[in-house]
Structure formats: structure tokens, C-alpha cells
Protein backbone atom coordinates (compact mmCIF):
# COMPACT_ATOMS: atom_id res chain seq x y z
CA MET A 1 -12.80 -33.26 -23.17
CA LYS A 2 -13.22 -34.41 -19.59
CA LEU A 3 -15.77 -32.92 -17.17
CA THR A 4 -13.13 -31.21 -15.25
CA SER A 5 -11.82 -29.34 -18.57
CA PHE A 6 -15.73 -28.22 -19.02
CA LEU A 7 -15.74 -26.91 -15.45
CA ILE A 8 -12.40 -25.13 -15.99
CA ARG A 9 -13.83 -23.57 -19.08
CA PHE A 10 -16.94 -22.30 -17.19
CA LEU A 11 -14.88 -20.91 -14.23
CA ALA A 12 -12.14 -19.46 -16.45
CA LYS A 13 -14.68 -17.33 -18.39
CA ARG A 14 -16.41 -16.34 -15.21
CA GLN A 15 -13.14 -15.10 -13.83
CA TRP A 16 -12.46 -13.16 -16.99
CA GLN A 17 -15.72 -11.40 -16.71
CA ARG A 18 -15.40 -10.62 -12.97
CA ASN A 19 -11.82 -9.32 -13.74
CA LYS A 20 -12.84 -6.93 -16.61
CA LYS A 21 -15.78 -5.56 -14.18
CA ASN A 22 -13.80 -5.69 -10.87
CA LYS A 23 -10.59 -3.89 -11.93
CA PHE A 24 -12.55 -0.80 -12.65
CA ASN A 25 -14.08 -0.58 -9.16
CA ALA A 26 -10.83 -0.45 -7.43
CA LEU A 27 -11.68 2.56 -5.24
CA ASP A 28 -14.99 1.03 -4.01
CA GLN A 29 -13.34 -2.14 -3.52
CA GLN A 30 -10.67 -0.55 -1.19
CA ASN A 31 -13.41 1.46 0.80
CA GLN A 32 -14.86 -2.08 1.56
CA ILE A 33 -11.38 -3.42 2.68
CA PHE A 34 -10.78 -0.25 4.83
CA LYS A 35 -14.07 -1.12 6.65
CA LYS A 36 -13.51 -4.62 7.02
CA ILE A 37 -9.87 -3.82 8.34
CA ILE A 38 -11.57 -1.43 10.98
CA ASN A 39 -14.33 -3.76 11.94
CA ASN A 40 -11.84 -6.47 12.37
CA GLY A 41 -9.50 -4.51 14.34
CA VAL A 42 -11.53 -1.96 16.46
CA TYR A 43 -11.81 -4.27 19.50
CA SER A 44 -7.92 -5.40 19.31
CA LEU A 45 -5.38 -4.17 21.78
CA PHE A 46 -3.93 -2.22 18.84
CA GLY A 47 -7.32 -0.71 17.83
CA LYS A 48 -7.95 0.36 21.57
CA ASN A 49 -4.17 1.73 22.01
CA ASN A 50 -4.79 4.09 18.89
CA SER A 51 -8.35 5.00 19.56
CA ILE A 52 -9.81 3.23 16.45
CA ASN A 53 -13.62 3.22 16.38
CA LYS A 54 -15.90 1.90 13.68
CA SER A 55 -16.88 5.10 12.20
CA ILE A 56 -13.38 6.40 11.44
CA LYS A 57 -12.81 7.90 8.20
CA TYR A 58 -9.37 7.76 6.21
CA ILE A 59 -8.44 11.35 7.05
CA ASP A 60 -8.67 10.48 10.62
CA PHE A 61 -6.90 7.06 10.14
CA LYS A 62 -4.07 8.88 8.84
CA LYS A 63 -3.60 11.08 11.74
CA LEU A 64 -4.33 8.36 14.46
CA ILE A 65 -2.15 5.59 12.84
CA LYS A 66 1.65 6.36 12.34
CA LEU A 67 3.72 4.58 9.87
CA ASN A 68 4.72 1.19 11.24
CA ASP A 69 7.58 -1.06 10.71
CA TYR A 70 8.37 -4.43 12.25
CA GLU A 71 10.06 -3.06 15.22
CA SER A 72 6.75 -1.14 16.00
CA ILE A 73 4.74 -4.09 16.10
CA ARG A 74 7.12 -6.52 17.42
CA PRO A 75 5.56 -6.44 21.15
CA TYR A 76 2.09 -7.08 19.74
CA VAL A 77 3.46 -10.01 17.65
CA LYS A 78 5.15 -11.29 21.00
CA LYS A 79 1.75 -11.36 22.64
CA ILE A 80 0.22 -13.12 19.76
CA SER A 81 2.91 -15.84 19.84
CA GLU A 82 1.94 -16.52 23.45
CA GLY A 83 -1.79 -17.33 22.03
CA LYS A 84 -3.13 -14.20 23.26
CA ALA A 85 -6.30 -13.20 21.09
CA ASN A 86 -7.39 -9.86 19.77
CA ILE A 87 -3.93 -8.31 19.86
CA LEU A 88 -3.41 -6.89 16.22
CA THR A 89 -6.78 -7.72 15.04
CA LYS A 90 -9.84 -10.11 16.07
CA GLY A 91 -8.81 -13.66 17.22
CA VAL A 92 -5.57 -15.57 16.72
CA PRO A 93 -3.92 -15.88 13.33
CA LYS A 94 -3.61 -19.35 12.01
CA TYR A 95 0.14 -19.02 11.40
CA PHE A 96 3.19 -16.53 11.12
CA ALA A 97 4.45 -16.16 7.73
CA ILE A 98 8.03 -15.77 8.16
CA THR A 99 10.38 -13.25 6.20
CA SER A 100 14.06 -11.81 6.87
CA GLY A 101 14.82 -8.21 6.98
CA THR A 102 18.27 -6.39 7.22
CA THR A 103 17.59 -4.68 10.61
CA SER A 104 14.81 -6.92 12.37
CA GLY A 105 16.28 -10.29 11.55
CA THR A 106 13.36 -13.02 11.19
CA LYS A 107 9.99 -11.18 10.92
CA TYR A 108 6.80 -13.02 11.89
CA ILE A 109 4.11 -11.68 9.91
CA PRO A 110 0.48 -12.64 11.36
CA LEU A 111 -1.56 -14.82 8.86
CA THR A 112 -5.22 -15.16 9.54
CA MET A 113 -7.09 -17.87 7.65
CA GLU A 114 -9.08 -14.94 6.08
CA MET A 115 -6.00 -13.70 4.65
CA LEU A 116 -4.67 -17.05 3.56
CA ASN A 117 -7.68 -17.64 1.58
CA PHE A 118 -7.25 -14.31 -0.11
CA GLN A 119 -3.78 -15.44 -0.80
CA MET A 120 -4.94 -18.69 -2.49
CA ARG A 121 -7.90 -16.89 -4.46
CA ALA A 122 -5.26 -14.81 -6.18
CA ILE A 123 -3.49 -17.82 -7.38
CA LYS A 124 -6.63 -19.66 -8.39
CA GLU A 125 -7.57 -16.38 -10.39
CA LEU A 126 -4.42 -16.21 -12.24
CA LEU A 127 -4.72 -19.59 -13.46
CA LEU A 128 -8.20 -19.43 -14.46
CA LEU A 129 -7.40 -15.97 -16.49
CA TYR A 130 -4.51 -17.73 -18.02
CA SER A 131 -6.89 -20.29 -19.17
CA TYR A 132 -9.39 -18.09 -20.76
CA GLN A 133 -6.76 -16.34 -22.44
CA SER A 134 -4.63 -19.35 -23.91
CA GLY A 135 -7.60 -21.54 -24.46
CA ASN A 136 -6.09 -24.24 -22.28
CA TYR A 137 -8.75 -25.78 -20.11
CA LYS A 138 -6.84 -28.71 -19.06
CA LEU A 139 -5.05 -27.36 -16.26
CA SER A 140 -6.45 -30.03 -13.81
CA ASN A 141 -5.17 -32.84 -16.08
CA THR A 142 -1.68 -31.42 -16.55
CA GLY A 143 1.43 -31.52 -14.23
CA MET A 144 2.07 -28.48 -12.00
CA MET A 145 5.23 -27.81 -10.30
CA PHE A 146 5.87 -25.17 -7.78
CA ILE A 147 9.37 -24.96 -6.17
CA GLN A 148 8.73 -23.19 -2.80
CA GLY A 149 10.04 -23.11 0.74
CA SER A 150 9.43 -25.99 3.07
CA PRO A 151 5.94 -26.66 4.28
CA VAL A 152 7.39 -28.00 7.62
CA LEU A 153 5.82 -25.90 10.38
CA ARG A 154 8.01 -24.93 13.46
CA LYS A 155 6.54 -22.83 16.50
CA PHE A 156 7.08 -19.36 17.79
CA ASN A 157 5.89 -20.14 21.28
CA LYS A 158 2.19 -21.31 20.41
CA ILE A 159 1.77 -20.10 16.91
CA PRO A 160 3.22 -22.24 13.81
CA PHE A 161 5.29 -20.57 11.35
CA ALA A 162 7.06 -21.21 8.09
CA LYS A 163 7.69 -19.35 4.67
CA LEU A 164 4.51 -18.24 3.11
CA SER A 165 5.05 -20.44 0.03
CA GLY A 166 5.49 -23.56 2.32
CA ILE A 167 2.37 -22.42 4.39
CA THR A 168 0.29 -22.00 0.90
CA ALA A 169 1.53 -25.76 -0.12
CA ARG A 170 -0.54 -26.86 2.67
CA HIS A 171 -3.73 -25.50 1.24
CA ILE A 172 -3.72 -26.19 -2.26
CA PRO A 173 -7.24 -25.63 -4.29
CA PHE A 174 -8.96 -28.75 -4.81
CA PHE A 175 -8.61 -28.81 -8.62
CA LEU A 176 -4.65 -28.39 -8.55
CA LYS A 177 -4.17 -31.15 -6.29
CA LYS A 178 -4.24 -34.39 -8.52
CA ASN A 179 -1.16 -33.48 -10.55
CA ARG A 180 0.67 -30.98 -8.27
CA TYR A 181 4.51 -31.74 -7.75
CA PRO A 182 6.84 -32.01 -5.71
CA SER A 183 5.14 -34.26 -3.25
CA MET A 184 4.85 -33.15 0.32
CA LYS A 185 7.52 -35.59 1.40
CA THR A 186 9.73 -34.34 -1.20
CA ASN A 187 8.95 -30.53 -0.40
CA CYS A 188 9.84 -31.01 3.32
CA ILE A 189 13.48 -32.18 2.63
CA SER A 190 15.85 -29.30 4.12
CA ASN A 191 18.80 -29.96 2.09
CA TRP A 192 18.33 -27.86 -0.93
CA ASP A 193 20.53 -30.02 -3.16
CA GLU A 194 19.01 -33.18 -2.17
CA LYS A 195 15.68 -31.67 -2.50
CA ILE A 196 16.45 -30.61 -6.11
CA LYS A 197 17.74 -34.15 -7.01
CA LYS A 198 14.46 -35.64 -5.53
CA ILE A 199 12.08 -33.05 -7.65
CA VAL A 200 14.17 -33.97 -10.69
CA LEU A 201 13.35 -37.79 -10.08
CA GLU A 202 9.67 -37.15 -9.16
CA THR A 203 8.99 -35.08 -12.09
CA LEU A 204 10.95 -36.05 -14.91
CA ASP A 205 8.51 -38.48 -16.64
CA LYS A 206 5.58 -36.26 -15.72
CA ASP A 207 3.31 -34.53 -18.31
CA MET A 208 4.47 -31.09 -17.00
CA GLY A 209 2.49 -28.04 -18.11
CA VAL A 210 2.94 -25.26 -15.40
CA ILE A 211 6.01 -24.67 -13.46
CA GLY A 212 6.50 -21.85 -10.86
CA GLY A 213 9.12 -20.47 -8.63
CA ILE A 214 11.62 -17.66 -8.21
CA PRO A 215 13.94 -17.80 -11.30
CA PRO A 216 17.28 -18.80 -9.57
CA TRP A 217 15.31 -21.83 -7.95
CA VAL A 218 13.59 -22.68 -11.26
CA ILE A 219 16.92 -22.31 -13.47
CA THR A 220 18.63 -24.48 -10.88
CA TYR A 221 15.92 -27.51 -11.35
CA PHE A 222 16.19 -27.04 -15.02
CA ARG A 223 19.72 -27.45 -15.27
CA ALA A 224 19.68 -30.47 -12.98
CA LEU A 225 16.86 -32.12 -14.94
CA LEU A 226 18.77 -31.51 -18.19
CA ALA A 227 22.05 -32.90 -16.64
CA HIS A 228 20.11 -35.74 -15.47
CA THR A 229 18.32 -36.63 -18.71
CA GLN A 230 20.82 -35.48 -21.16
CA ALA A 231 18.49 -33.43 -23.08
CA ASN A 232 19.22 -30.14 -24.94
CA ASN A 233 15.83 -28.19 -23.97
CA ILE A 234 13.23 -28.56 -21.22
CA LYS A 235 10.57 -28.84 -23.72
CA GLU A 236 12.25 -32.29 -24.97
CA ILE A 237 11.43 -33.59 -21.70
CA PHE A 238 8.16 -31.58 -21.04
CA PRO A 239 6.71 -31.02 -24.57
CA ASN A 240 3.25 -29.46 -23.17
CA PHE A 241 5.19 -27.22 -20.87
CA GLU A 242 3.57 -23.83 -21.86
CA LEU A 243 3.66 -21.55 -18.54
CA TYR A 244 6.19 -20.37 -16.39
CA ILE A 245 4.83 -18.34 -13.16
CA HIS A 246 7.32 -16.13 -11.44
CA GLY A 247 7.78 -13.58 -8.97
CA GLY A 248 9.88 -12.59 -5.89
CA THR A 249 12.69 -11.15 -7.81
CA SER A 250 13.35 -9.34 -11.25
CA PHE A 251 12.61 -11.43 -14.17
CA GLU A 252 14.76 -9.44 -16.63
CA ASN A 253 17.95 -10.57 -14.88
CA TYR A 254 17.03 -14.25 -15.70
CA LYS A 255 14.71 -14.14 -18.51
CA ASN A 256 17.47 -14.89 -21.38
CA SER A 257 18.50 -18.02 -19.11
CA ILE A 258 14.87 -19.36 -18.89
CA PHE A 259 14.25 -19.10 -22.44
CA LYS A 260 17.35 -20.71 -23.68
CA LEU A 261 16.79 -23.44 -21.37
CA CYS A 262 12.88 -23.81 -22.52
CA GLY A 263 12.39 -22.30 -25.65
CA ASP A 264 9.24 -20.31 -26.45
CA ILE A 265 6.92 -20.54 -23.42
CA ASP A 266 4.22 -18.05 -21.92
CA THR A 267 5.23 -16.31 -18.66
CA LEU A 268 3.17 -14.58 -15.81
CA GLU A 269 4.52 -12.29 -13.16
CA THR A 270 3.08 -12.38 -9.72
CA TYR A 271 3.77 -10.30 -6.59
CA PRO A 272 3.02 -12.14 -3.46
CA ALA A 273 4.60 -11.26 -0.19
CA SER A 274 4.12 -12.37 3.30
CA GLU A 275 2.11 -9.31 4.06
CA GLY A 276 -0.30 -10.10 1.36
CA PHE A 277 -0.78 -10.83 -2.32
CA PHE A 278 -0.41 -7.39 -3.72
CA ALA A 279 -0.68 -7.89 -7.83
CA TYR A 280 -0.47 -10.34 -10.79
CA GLN A 281 -0.33 -9.80 -14.39
CA ASP A 282 -3.75 -10.45 -15.70
CA ASN A 283 -3.05 -9.94 -19.54
CA LEU A 284 -0.64 -12.24 -21.24
CA ASN A 285 0.25 -9.55 -23.81
CA GLU A 286 0.75 -6.77 -20.87
CA LYS A 287 3.53 -7.21 -18.69
CA HIS A 288 2.38 -4.69 -16.06
CA LEU A 289 0.71 -6.01 -12.83
CA LEU A 290 -2.79 -5.38 -11.84
CA LEU A 291 -3.10 -4.02 -8.28
CA LEU A 292 -5.30 -6.51 -6.34
CA THR A 293 -7.67 -4.02 -4.45
CA ASN A 294 -10.05 -6.65 -3.08
CA HIS A 295 -7.77 -9.10 -1.53
CA GLY A 296 -7.63 -8.02 2.16
CA VAL A 297 -5.11 -5.27 1.82
CA PHE A 298 -5.64 -1.54 2.03
CA TYR A 299 -2.94 0.23 0.31
CA GLU A 300 -1.31 3.73 0.90
CA PHE A 301 1.76 5.35 -0.67
CA VAL A 302 4.52 7.43 0.49
CA GLU A 303 6.66 9.18 -2.62
CA VAL A 304 10.07 7.85 -2.31
CA SER A 305 11.52 11.57 -2.60
CA ARG A 306 9.62 12.44 0.42
CA PHE A 307 10.41 9.26 2.29
CA LYS A 308 14.05 9.75 1.92
CA LYS A 309 13.75 13.31 3.41
CA GLY A 310 11.99 11.80 6.56
CA ASP A 311 8.50 13.14 5.36
CA ASN A 312 6.06 10.14 5.63
CA GLU A 313 2.84 11.82 4.48
CA ARG A 314 0.79 8.84 3.03
CA VAL A 315 -1.69 8.97 0.34
CA CYS A 316 -4.45 6.51 -0.54
CA LEU A 317 -5.03 4.84 -4.04
CA ALA A 318 -7.45 7.74 -5.11
CA ASP A 319 -4.38 10.28 -5.00
CA VAL A 320 -1.69 8.37 -6.48
CA GLU A 321 0.03 9.97 -9.86
CA LEU A 322 1.30 8.20 -12.82
CA GLY A 323 5.27 7.92 -13.19
CA LYS A 324 6.17 8.48 -9.40
CA ASN A 325 8.10 6.08 -7.44
CA TYR A 326 6.03 5.08 -4.10
CA VAL A 327 7.01 3.20 -0.93
CA LEU A 328 4.18 0.65 -0.68
CA ILE A 329 2.27 0.88 2.86
CA VAL A 330 -0.52 -1.66 3.62
CA SER A 331 -2.99 -2.52 6.49
CA THR A 332 -4.56 -6.00 6.12
CA VAL A 333 -7.12 -8.08 7.39
CA SER A 334 -4.43 -10.03 9.34
CA GLY A 335 -3.51 -7.31 11.58
CA LEU A 336 -1.13 -5.11 9.94
CA TRP A 337 -1.60 -1.35 10.15
CA ALA A 338 -0.12 1.32 7.92
CA TYR A 339 2.89 -1.15 7.57
CA ASN A 340 6.00 -0.26 5.68
CA THR A 341 6.75 -3.17 3.23
CA GLY A 342 9.99 -1.56 2.24
CA ASP A 343 8.92 -2.26 -1.51
CA THR A 344 8.82 0.53 -4.16
CA ILE A 345 6.36 0.66 -6.93
CA ARG A 346 5.32 2.89 -9.73
CA PHE A 347 1.95 3.31 -11.25
CA VAL A 348 1.77 2.90 -15.09
CA SER A 349 -1.88 3.03 -15.26
CA ILE A 350 -4.73 4.60 -13.36
CA ASN A 351 -7.65 3.04 -14.74
CA PRO A 352 -7.28 0.19 -14.27
CA TYR A 353 -4.57 0.39 -11.31
CA LYS A 354 -1.45 -1.23 -12.68
CA ILE A 355 2.00 -1.13 -11.50
CA VAL A 356 5.50 -2.16 -11.94
CA PHE A 357 7.79 -3.35 -9.14
CA CYS A 358 10.68 -1.12 -8.62
CA GLY A 359 12.73 -2.68 -5.87
CA ARG A 360 13.49 -2.06 -2.27
CA VAL A 361 13.53 1.10 -0.75
CA SER A 362 16.77 0.48 0.78
CA GLN A 363 18.49 0.19 -2.55
CA TYR A 364 17.24 3.54 -3.56
CA CYS A 365 20.26 5.63 -4.23
CA SER A 366 21.29 9.34 -5.21
CA VAL A 367 24.37 9.74 -7.08
CA PHE A 368 25.46 13.32 -8.15
CA GLY A 369 21.87 14.33 -7.33
CA GLU A 370 20.28 11.98 -9.48
CA HIS A 371 17.70 9.45 -8.14
CA VAL A 372 18.21 5.64 -9.34
CA ILE A 373 15.82 2.87 -8.46
CA GLU A 374 16.98 -0.69 -8.37
CA LYS A 375 14.97 -1.90 -11.48
CA GLU A 376 16.52 1.14 -13.63
CA VAL A 377 19.84 0.08 -12.55
CA GLN A 378 18.97 -3.63 -13.78
CA THR A 379 17.63 -2.49 -16.99
CA ALA A 380 20.84 -0.46 -17.64
CA LEU A 381 23.14 -3.25 -16.64
CA ILE A 382 21.06 -5.64 -19.02
CA GLN A 383 21.13 -3.54 -21.87
């Protein structure tokens, strides 16, 4: 076993022990993140406009800070784009992570280096937890391929922007760089069909062990790979392929297709977003997601039933209840304040705090008086 494998074994065991301890300290972690966000933002333009002070308590925070959406922060984002400092939080963000919306078009979400480090830490933790549970300590010596957005940066006035996945491609942890694909050159190809063809040629002779990406993108890659090689199964091409990391959309809709193409593999679900890395599956044998309470995000929640009636009463993590559907509200070290993500989640465990992603609040509907969530509709259709 190479030295790097010994190092991965050590780091994986330490991460497992940390995770085992930390996930039961969620409320203390949230208090610390809350203080960090306040301290980062107290002297910002937003902080001054909303009378934020260092000694503010959560009960007063709820009164002072209204529920925000992108239109609420758009004027602040414009000032940030012009290179002005201390607008939503201290300093100037390194990037904008862009995302699209149905009402606001392209959204430019501030991304500081502090938040980016939290994003990258989550990915590292996930892989180390997997190593510990699977006994595979050769991650640094096997191929890893993440199909993601382009890392090409453009600028909104003075601040560079790209899709979050493209930005993270520029900040890969040192122990993952050696056998990581696709190459930066291939990843920068803008034409999707050409990009997939190049990824196929670049990876077909590699020892791939971990593949990640949203299911429709990965399925497109797998089918192109099989068409090129005339193989019957991805395992014929990559015999050591054992882990697929997914997120960004419901896996249930694509699970049968993935397993048909790959055979028996492990899968792990993640919940990353431009606003923060919210959760990941920390247990191979349990499909629920661990809410990440020490990764730069302070969480609040509005019951979906209240939200649809125009009641935006928020509760913090300490006051959530099992089985209720909540709109996810976040404040972050990057400068978001009580920001409505538009996502809905449900808690399936309180100690530790574990969730399932339910869908977008815009896809919440009421038929004959019965409330239905996107995830429930998808489940019914699959059955």
C-alpha cells in the first residue's frame, strides 16, 4: 500500500470520528455560525441599513431581518459587482456563483473564499467518510471524473462568475488532483456534444473509480462511452468503478437507468447549491442527508403550509418538527441574509438532524384541498 493510502486511511478514520461527534452538536455549531455571520456583516452596508450589532440575539434578528429573495438583494449585488467592499458582508467576494431563476433571470450569488473553502471541505469530508465505510483507501490512486459546468470565468463588471461546479473545478483538493478528470482544457469546451465526446476519449482507458455529476449528464456520458467502445456495461470499461456521487435533482427518476448501465455500485447523494453546501449522505446504508451545520450556513425554516398563505414566520433549527415540509431559508458567511432558497425539505431525524429534499416551493400544489410535494409526485409516478 502506498504512502498516500496510509494517509487516506488516517484521514478517513479521523473524519469518521469527527462526524460521529459533530453531528450531535448541531445547535452549538449553528450558534457559532450565527455569531460568525453577524461579526462578518455588522459593519457592512446591509448590516448598517438593518441595524445589525454584534450583540444581537436570534429573536431580534428575526424582527430586524425580513425574508429576502434575489430581488431584495439585487441592488447590493450591483454594488458588489462594481468592486465596492463591505456591502453584504466584510470585504469583496472572490466570485459570483450564478444560478437561474424563473422570476429573476440569472442570479449572481456572492461567493467568498471562506464559503468556497466550506464547499470544498464538504466534498473532502464526503469522500473520506466513504473511504472509511467502504474500506477503499486508494482514492488518490484511482480515477475520479466529475461532469460539471465550465470553469471558464466571465465578469459581471469587476467580479468573475461561473457556475458553482465550474468554480470548484478550479479549487480541487491536493490529494484529488493527480487522477482527476476531465482535464481543464476539456472541461472548458462550451459545446455540450463536443465536450462529452472529448471526455469519452480522455477517460476510456483510465482506471475510473469515482464518477460524479447530475444524473442526466452522467447518463449521457455513459451512453456515449458504451457507443464508442461497444461494451455492454460500464463495468466492462471501468472494472474498479464503485462510487457514483449525485445531486442537483431527484435520483429516483434516473436510478434504474444508472444501475442498468453500471450494474452494482455504491451511490451517495449530495445537496450543494450556489448559496452553500447544505447536506450530504454520510452513511452508505442510510439514504437520508445529514444537514451540515458547521459549513458557513445558518438555517431557518418556514412551514410550506404557512408560506403559501403569505405567513413567513421563521423558526431556527432548534424548533423544527419531524414530518413537516419547510421552505429552506439561509444566512451565510458570503453575505446572504434570511435568503429564501426556494427549496423545500423535510426532517426525518432530529438527533442528528437529517433531511430529505422535497423539491421547489414553486412546484408545490394543492389539488382538491390535498397538498402535494414534487418528491411525492415523482415517487407516485415511479411506482
